[in-house]
């Protein structure tokens, strides 16, 4: 499915482009779309938990880096 959408907001358009790129990476890696993935709900919840844990780590690293840069 291809989207020839018009966007009012270029930020939204860039995010949608990133979603499409991420989907392509996943398809190349796993050979299946998210829609066709037969994983159980508990598997999805575990994936989500792991991704959110990673996000917190990235957030912490960014905050620490920002704090160091502000002191310079």
PDB file of N, CA and C in Angstrom:
ATOM      1  N   UNK A   1       0.848  -1.172   0.000  1.00  0.00           N
ATOM      2  CA  UNK A   1       0.000   0.000   0.000  1.00  0.00           C
ATOM      3  C   UNK A   1       0.895   1.237   0.000  1.00  0.00           C
ATOM      4  N   UNK A   2       0.692   2.084  -0.960  1.00  0.00           N
ATOM      5  CA  UNK A   2       1.499   3.288  -1.075  1.00  0.00           C
ATOM      6  C   UNK A   2       0.652   4.504  -0.751  1.00  0.00           C
ATOM      7  N   UNK A   3       1.252   5.445  -0.077  1.00  0.00           N
ATOM      8  CA  UNK A   3       0.533   6.648   0.327  1.00  0.00           C
ATOM      9  C   UNK A   3       1.059   7.845  -0.449  1.00  0.00           C
ATOM     10  N   UNK A   4       0.227   8.460  -1.202  1.00  0.00           N
ATOM     11  CA  UNK A   4       0.561   9.702  -1.901  1.00  0.00           C
ATOM     12  C   UNK A   4      -0.129  10.836  -1.157  1.00  0.00           C
ATOM     13  N   UNK A   5       0.115  10.906   0.126  1.00  0.00           N
ATOM     14  CA  UNK A   5      -0.563  11.856   1.001  1.00  0.00           C
ATOM     15  C   UNK A   5       0.041  13.247   0.870  1.00  0.00           C
ATOM     16  N   UNK A   6      -0.814  14.230   1.084  1.00  0.00           N
ATOM     17  CA  UNK A   6      -0.346  15.600   1.202  1.00  0.00           C
ATOM     18  C   UNK A   6      -0.342  15.945   2.680  1.00  0.00           C
ATOM     19  N   UNK A   7       0.740  16.517   3.121  1.00  0.00           N
ATOM     20  CA  UNK A   7       0.881  16.839   4.529  1.00  0.00           C
ATOM     21  C   UNK A   7       0.883  18.352   4.731  1.00  0.00           C
ATOM     22  N   UNK A   8       0.125  18.784   5.720  1.00  0.00           N
ATOM     23  CA  UNK A   8       0.162  20.191   6.114  1.00  0.00           C
ATOM     24  C   UNK A   8       1.441  20.485   6.861  1.00  0.00           C
ATOM     25  N   UNK A   9       1.894  19.486   7.597  1.00  0.00           N
ATOM     26  CA  UNK A   9       3.009  19.672   8.515  1.00  0.00           C
ATOM     27  C   UNK A   9       4.195  18.822   8.056  1.00  0.00           C
ATOM     28  N   UNK A  10       5.297  19.456   7.690  1.00  0.00           N
ATOM     29  CA  UNK A  10       6.453  18.684   7.225  1.00  0.00           C
ATOM     30  C   UNK A  10       7.055  17.789   8.308  1.00  0.00           C
ATOM     31  N   UNK A  11       6.856  18.140   9.565  1.00  0.00           N
ATOM     32  CA  UNK A  11       7.351  17.276  10.648  1.00  0.00           C
ATOM     33  C   UNK A  11       6.601  15.946  10.624  1.00  0.00           C
ATOM     34  N   UNK A  12       5.291  16.008  10.452  1.00  0.00           N
ATOM     35  CA  UNK A  12       4.476  14.794  10.365  1.00  0.00           C
ATOM     36  C   UNK A  12       4.922  13.969   9.157  1.00  0.00           C
ATOM     37  N   UNK A  13       5.173  14.617   8.054  1.00  0.00           N
ATOM     38  CA  UNK A  13       5.611  13.908   6.853  1.00  0.00           C
ATOM     39  C   UNK A  13       6.930  13.179   7.099  1.00  0.00           C
ATOM     40  N   UNK A  14       7.852  13.821   7.783  1.00  0.00           N
ATOM     41  CA  UNK A  14       9.138  13.168   8.072  1.00  0.00           C
ATOM     42  C   UNK A  14       8.956  11.968   8.994  1.00  0.00           C
ATOM     43  N   UNK A  15       8.047  12.076   9.949  1.00  0.00           N
ATOM     44  CA  UNK A  15       7.782  10.945  10.849  1.00  0.00           C
ATOM     45  C   UNK A  15       7.169   9.782  10.067  1.00  0.00           C
ATOM     46  N   UNK A  16       6.224  10.075   9.192  1.00  0.00           N
ATOM     47  CA  UNK A  16       5.614   9.021   8.367  1.00  0.00           C
ATOM     48  C   UNK A  16       6.682   8.359   7.502  1.00  0.00           C
ATOM     49  N   UNK A  17       7.582   9.153   6.941  1.00  0.00           N
ATOM     50  CA  UNK A  17       8.675   8.578   6.145  1.00  0.00           C
ATOM     51  C   UNK A  17       9.536   7.644   6.990  1.00  0.00           C
ATOM     52  N   UNK A  18       9.790   8.024   8.224  1.00  0.00           N
ATOM     53  CA  UNK A  18      10.578   7.168   9.112  1.00  0.00           C
ATOM     54  C   UNK A  18       9.838   5.859   9.428  1.00  0.00           C
ATOM     55  N   UNK A  19       8.523   5.943   9.598  1.00  0.00           N
ATOM     56  CA  UNK A  19       7.739   4.718   9.818  1.00  0.00           C
ATOM     57  C   UNK A  19       7.856   3.795   8.607  1.00  0.00           C
ATOM     58  N   UNK A  20       7.779   4.358   7.418  1.00  0.00           N
ATOM     59  CA  UNK A  20       7.894   3.536   6.211  1.00  0.00           C
ATOM     60  C   UNK A  20       9.277   2.893   6.123  1.00  0.00           C
ATOM     61  N   UNK A  21      10.306   3.674   6.414  1.00  0.00           N
ATOM     62  CA  UNK A  21      11.662   3.134   6.383  1.00  0.00           C
ATOM     63  C   UNK A  21      11.835   2.030   7.423  1.00  0.00           C
ATOM     64  N   UNK A  22      11.287   2.240   8.598  1.00  0.00           N
ATOM     65  CA  UNK A  22      11.394   1.245   9.672  1.00  0.00           C
ATOM     66  C   UNK A  22      10.676  -0.042   9.281  1.00  0.00           C
ATOM     67  N   UNK A  23       9.538   0.097   8.628  1.00  0.00           N
ATOM     68  CA  UNK A  23       8.793  -1.066   8.154  1.00  0.00           C
ATOM     69  C   UNK A  23       9.620  -1.854   7.134  1.00  0.00           C
ATOM     70  N   UNK A  24      10.295  -1.149   6.251  1.00  0.00           N
ATOM     71  CA  UNK A  24      11.140  -1.811   5.253  1.00  0.00           C
ATOM     72  C   UNK A  24      12.276  -2.579   5.920  1.00  0.00           C
ATOM     73  N   UNK A  25      12.887  -1.979   6.941  1.00  0.00           N
ATOM     74  CA  UNK A  25      13.967  -2.649   7.670  1.00  0.00           C
ATOM     75  C   UNK A  25      13.443  -3.931   8.316  1.00  0.00           C
ATOM     76  N   UNK A  26      12.292  -3.845   8.967  1.00  0.00           N
ATOM     77  CA  UNK A  26      11.704  -5.021   9.602  1.00  0.00           C
ATOM     78  C   UNK A  26      11.364  -6.113   8.611  1.00  0.00           C
ATOM     79  N   UNK A  27      10.836  -5.720   7.466  1.00  0.00           N
ATOM     80  CA  UNK A  27      10.473  -6.715   6.455  1.00  0.00           C
ATOM     81  C   UNK A  27      11.726  -7.408   5.921  1.00  0.00           C
ATOM     82  N   UNK A  28      12.781  -6.633   5.680  1.00  0.00           N
ATOM     83  CA  UNK A  28      14.024  -7.237   5.196  1.00  0.00           C
ATOM     84  C   UNK A  28      14.627  -8.172   6.239  1.00  0.00           C
ATOM     85  N   UNK A  29      14.507  -7.802   7.503  1.00  0.00           N
ATOM     86  CA  UNK A  29      15.094  -8.607   8.574  1.00  0.00           C
ATOM     87  C   UNK A  29      14.297  -9.881   8.838  1.00  0.00           C
ATOM     88  N   UNK A  30      12.955  -9.775   8.868  1.00  0.00           N
ATOM     89  CA  UNK A  30      12.114 -10.897   9.272  1.00  0.00           C
ATOM     90  C   UNK A  30      11.351 -11.560   8.129  1.00  0.00           C
ATOM     91  N   UNK A  31      11.268 -10.889   6.973  1.00  0.00           N
ATOM     92  CA  UNK A  31      10.583 -11.462   5.817  1.00  0.00           C
ATOM     93  C   UNK A  31       9.073 -11.540   5.973  1.00  0.00           C
ATOM     94  N   UNK A  32       8.524 -10.720   6.857  1.00  0.00           N
ATOM     95  CA  UNK A  32       7.086 -10.737   7.111  1.00  0.00           C
ATOM     96  C   UNK A  32       6.664  -9.333   7.557  1.00  0.00           C
ATOM     97  N   UNK A  33       5.446  -8.969   7.224  1.00  0.00           N
ATOM     98  CA  UNK A  33       4.945  -7.679   7.687  1.00  0.00           C
ATOM     99  C   UNK A  33       4.449  -7.813   9.121  1.00  0.00           C
ATOM    100  N   UNK A  34       4.342  -6.718   9.787  1.00  0.00           N
ATOM    101  CA  UNK A  34       3.809  -6.717  11.148  1.00  0.00           C
ATOM    102  C   UNK A  34       2.376  -7.241  11.153  1.00  0.00           C
ATOM    103  N   UNK A  35       1.623  -6.883  10.140  1.00  0.00           N
ATOM    104  CA  UNK A  35       0.229  -7.325  10.044  1.00  0.00           C
ATOM    105  C   UNK A  35       0.115  -8.846   9.943  1.00  0.00           C
ATOM    106  N   UNK A  36       1.070  -9.465   9.271  1.00  0.00           N
ATOM    107  CA  UNK A  36       1.027 -10.920   9.071  1.00  0.00           C
ATOM    108  C   UNK A  36       1.737 -11.718  10.158  1.00  0.00           C
ATOM    109  N   UNK A  37       2.380 -11.036  11.092  1.00  0.00           N
ATOM    110  CA  UNK A  37       3.132 -11.714  12.143  1.00  0.00           C
ATOM    111  C   UNK A  37       2.179 -12.405  13.119  1.00  0.00           C
ATOM    112  N   UNK A  38       2.337 -13.719  13.302  1.00  0.00           N
ATOM    113  CA  UNK A  38       1.418 -14.474  14.148  1.00  0.00           C
ATOM    114  C   UNK A  38       1.801 -14.519  15.632  1.00  0.00           C
ATOM    115  N   UNK A  39       2.699 -13.650  16.060  1.00  0.00           N
ATOM    116  CA  UNK A  39       3.155 -13.692  17.456  1.00  0.00           C
ATOM    117  C   UNK A  39       1.987 -13.547  18.428  1.00  0.00           C
ATOM    118  N   UNK A  40       2.187 -14.096  19.613  1.00  0.00           N
ATOM    119  CA  UNK A  40       1.171 -14.003  20.666  1.00  0.00           C
ATOM    120  C   UNK A  40       1.210 -12.628  21.319  1.00  0.00           C
ATOM    121  N   UNK A  41       0.136 -12.254  21.981  1.00  0.00           N
ATOM    122  CA  UNK A  41       0.043 -10.951  22.634  1.00  0.00           C
ATOM    123  C   UNK A  41       1.171 -10.767  23.642  1.00  0.00           C
ATOM    124  N   UNK A  42       1.481 -11.806  24.399  1.00  0.00           N
ATOM    125  CA  UNK A  42       2.548 -11.685  25.392  1.00  0.00           C
ATOM    126  C   UNK A  42       3.883 -11.373  24.716  1.00  0.00           C
ATOM    127  N   UNK A  43       4.099 -11.887  23.521  1.00  0.00           N
ATOM    128  CA  UNK A  43       5.326 -11.572  22.781  1.00  0.00           C
ATOM    129  C   UNK A  43       5.364 -10.090  22.411  1.00  0.00           C
ATOM    130  N   UNK A  44       4.215  -9.553  21.970  1.00  0.00           N
ATOM    131  CA  UNK A  44       4.136  -8.123  21.626  1.00  0.00           C
ATOM    132  C   UNK A  44       4.391  -7.272  22.859  1.00  0.00           C
ATOM    133  N   UNK A  45       3.852  -7.689  23.982  1.00  0.00           N
ATOM    134  CA  UNK A  45       4.060  -6.938  25.218  1.00  0.00           C
ATOM    135  C   UNK A  45       5.524  -6.970  25.645  1.00  0.00           C
ATOM    136  N   UNK A  46       6.175  -8.112  25.488  1.00  0.00           N
ATOM    137  CA  UNK A  46       7.603  -8.203  25.805  1.00  0.00           C
ATOM    138  C   UNK A  46       8.435  -7.317  24.884  1.00  0.00           C
ATOM    139  N   UNK A  47       8.110  -7.333  23.582  1.00  0.00           N
ATOM    140  CA  UNK A  47       8.814  -6.460  22.635  1.00  0.00           C
ATOM    141  C   UNK A  47       8.642  -4.999  23.027  1.00  0.00           C
ATOM    142  N   UNK A  48       7.427  -4.620  23.358  1.00  0.00           N
ATOM    143  CA  UNK A  48       7.146  -3.246  23.751  1.00  0.00           C
ATOM    144  C   UNK A  48       7.934  -2.874  25.002  1.00  0.00           C
ATOM    145  N   UNK A  49       7.938  -3.744  25.981  1.00  0.00           N
ATOM    146  CA  UNK A  49       8.673  -3.470  27.217  1.00  0.00           C
ATOM    147  C   UNK A  49      10.154  -3.258  26.928  1.00  0.00           C
ATOM    148  N   UNK A  50      10.725  -4.116  26.095  1.00  0.00           N
ATOM    149  CA  UNK A  50      12.145  -3.997  25.756  1.00  0.00           C
ATOM    150  C   UNK A  50      12.432  -2.691  25.023  1.00  0.00           C
ATOM    151  N   UNK A  51      11.560  -2.319  24.102  1.00  0.00           N
ATOM    152  CA  UNK A  51      11.743  -1.069  23.358  1.00  0.00           C
ATOM    153  C   UNK A  51      11.641   0.139  24.281  1.00  0.00           C
ATOM    154  N   UNK A  52      10.695   0.105  25.207  1.00  0.00           N
ATOM    155  CA  UNK A  52      10.546   1.219  26.142  1.00  0.00           C
ATOM    156  C   UNK A  52      11.736   1.303  27.094  1.00  0.00           C
ATOM    157  N   UNK A  53      12.261   0.162  27.490  1.00  0.00           N
ATOM    158  CA  UNK A  53      13.451   0.161  28.340  1.00  0.00           C
ATOM    159  C   UNK A  53      14.626   0.784  27.589  1.00  0.00           C
ATOM    160  N   UNK A  54      14.783   0.425  26.314  1.00  0.00           N
ATOM    161  CA  UNK A  54      15.830   1.031  25.489  1.00  0.00           C
ATOM    162  C   UNK A  54      15.612   2.536  25.378  1.00  0.00           C
ATOM    163  N   UNK A  55      14.371   2.958  25.202  1.00  0.00           N
ATOM    164  CA  UNK A  55      14.074   4.382  25.072  1.00  0.00           C
ATOM    165  C   UNK A  55      14.489   5.152  26.319  1.00  0.00           C
ATOM    166  N   UNK A  56      14.261   4.570  27.486  1.00  0.00           N
ATOM    167  CA  UNK A  56      14.662   5.225  28.736  1.00  0.00           C
ATOM    168  C   UNK A  56      16.183   5.358  28.793  1.00  0.00           C
ATOM    169  N   UNK A  57      16.900   4.347  28.337  1.00  0.00           N
ATOM    170  CA  UNK A  57      18.364   4.424  28.306  1.00  0.00           C
ATOM    171  C   UNK A  57      18.830   5.529  27.364  1.00  0.00           C
ATOM    172  N   UNK A  58      18.231   5.615  26.182  1.00  0.00           N
ATOM    173  CA  UNK A  58      18.590   6.675  25.233  1.00  0.00           C
ATOM    174  C   UNK A  58      18.286   8.046  25.818  1.00  0.00           C
ATOM    175  N   UNK A  59      17.170   8.169  26.506  1.00  0.00           N
ATOM    176  CA  UNK A  59      16.794   9.425  27.142  1.00  0.00           C
ATOM    177  C   UNK A  59      17.818   9.829  28.196  1.00  0.00           C
ATOM    178  N   UNK A  60      18.216   8.889  29.015  1.00  0.00           N
ATOM    179  CA  UNK A  60      19.201   9.172  30.056  1.00  0.00           C
ATOM    180  C   UNK A  60      20.522   9.609  29.441  1.00  0.00           C
ATOM    181  N   UNK A  61      20.976   8.893  28.427  1.00  0.00           N
ATOM    182  CA  UNK A  61      22.235   9.238  27.760  1.00  0.00           C
ATOM    183  C   UNK A  61      22.149  10.633  27.149  1.00  0.00           C
ATOM    184  N   UNK A  62      21.045  10.956  26.514  1.00  0.00           N
ATOM    185  CA  UNK A  62      20.876  12.277  25.904  1.00  0.00           C
ATOM    186  C   UNK A  62      20.894  13.374  26.965  1.00  0.00           C
ATOM    187  N   UNK A  63      20.228  13.130  28.093  1.00  0.00           N
ATOM    188  CA  UNK A  63      20.221  14.112  29.178  1.00  0.00           C
ATOM    189  C   UNK A  63      21.629  14.336  29.727  1.00  0.00           C
ATOM    190  N   UNK A  64      22.369  13.257  29.920  1.00  0.00           N
ATOM    191  CA  UNK A  64      23.720  13.375  30.429  1.00  0.00           C
ATOM    192  C   UNK A  64      24.629  14.110  29.447  1.00  0.00           C
ATOM    193  N   UNK A  65      24.488  13.786  28.174  1.00  0.00           N
ATOM    194  CA  UNK A  65      25.283  14.451  27.140  1.00  0.00           C
ATOM    195  C   UNK A  65      24.941  15.932  27.072  1.00  0.00           C
ATOM    196  N   UNK A  66      23.671  16.258  27.138  1.00  0.00           N
ATOM    197  CA  UNK A  66      23.224  17.650  27.119  1.00  0.00           C
ATOM    198  C   UNK A  66      23.791  18.401  28.328  1.00  0.00           C
ATOM    199  N   UNK A  67      23.741  17.786  29.494  1.00  0.00           N
ATOM    200  CA  UNK A  67      24.246  18.422  30.706  1.00  0.00           C
ATOM    201  C   UNK A  67      25.751  18.707  30.594  1.00  0.00           C
ATOM    202  N   UNK A  68      26.503  17.766  30.045  1.00  0.00           N
ATOM    203  CA  UNK A  68      27.937  17.965  29.857  1.00  0.00           C
ATOM    204  C   UNK A  68      28.212  19.087  28.867  1.00  0.00           C
ATOM    205  N   UNK A  69      27.454  19.118  27.783  1.00  0.00           N
ATOM    206  CA  UNK A  69      27.645  20.145  26.759  1.00  0.00           C
ATOM    207  C   UNK A  69      27.301  21.531  27.282  1.00  0.00           C
ATOM    208  N   UNK A  70      26.325  21.622  28.172  1.00  0.00           N
ATOM    209  CA  UNK A  70      25.927  22.906  28.738  1.00  0.00           C
ATOM    210  C   UNK A  70      26.989  23.465  29.676  1.00  0.00           C
ATOM    211  N   UNK A  71      27.789  22.592  30.282  1.00  0.00           N
ATOM    212  CA  UNK A  71      28.849  23.007  31.208  1.00  0.00           C
ATOM    213  C   UNK A  71      30.080  23.513  30.479  1.00  0.00           C
ATOM    214  N   UNK A  72      30.210  23.151  29.233  1.00  0.00           N
ATOM    215  CA  UNK A  72      31.404  23.531  28.451  1.00  0.00           C
ATOM    216  C   UNK A  72      31.361  25.009  28.104  1.00  0.00           C
TER     217      UNK A  72
END
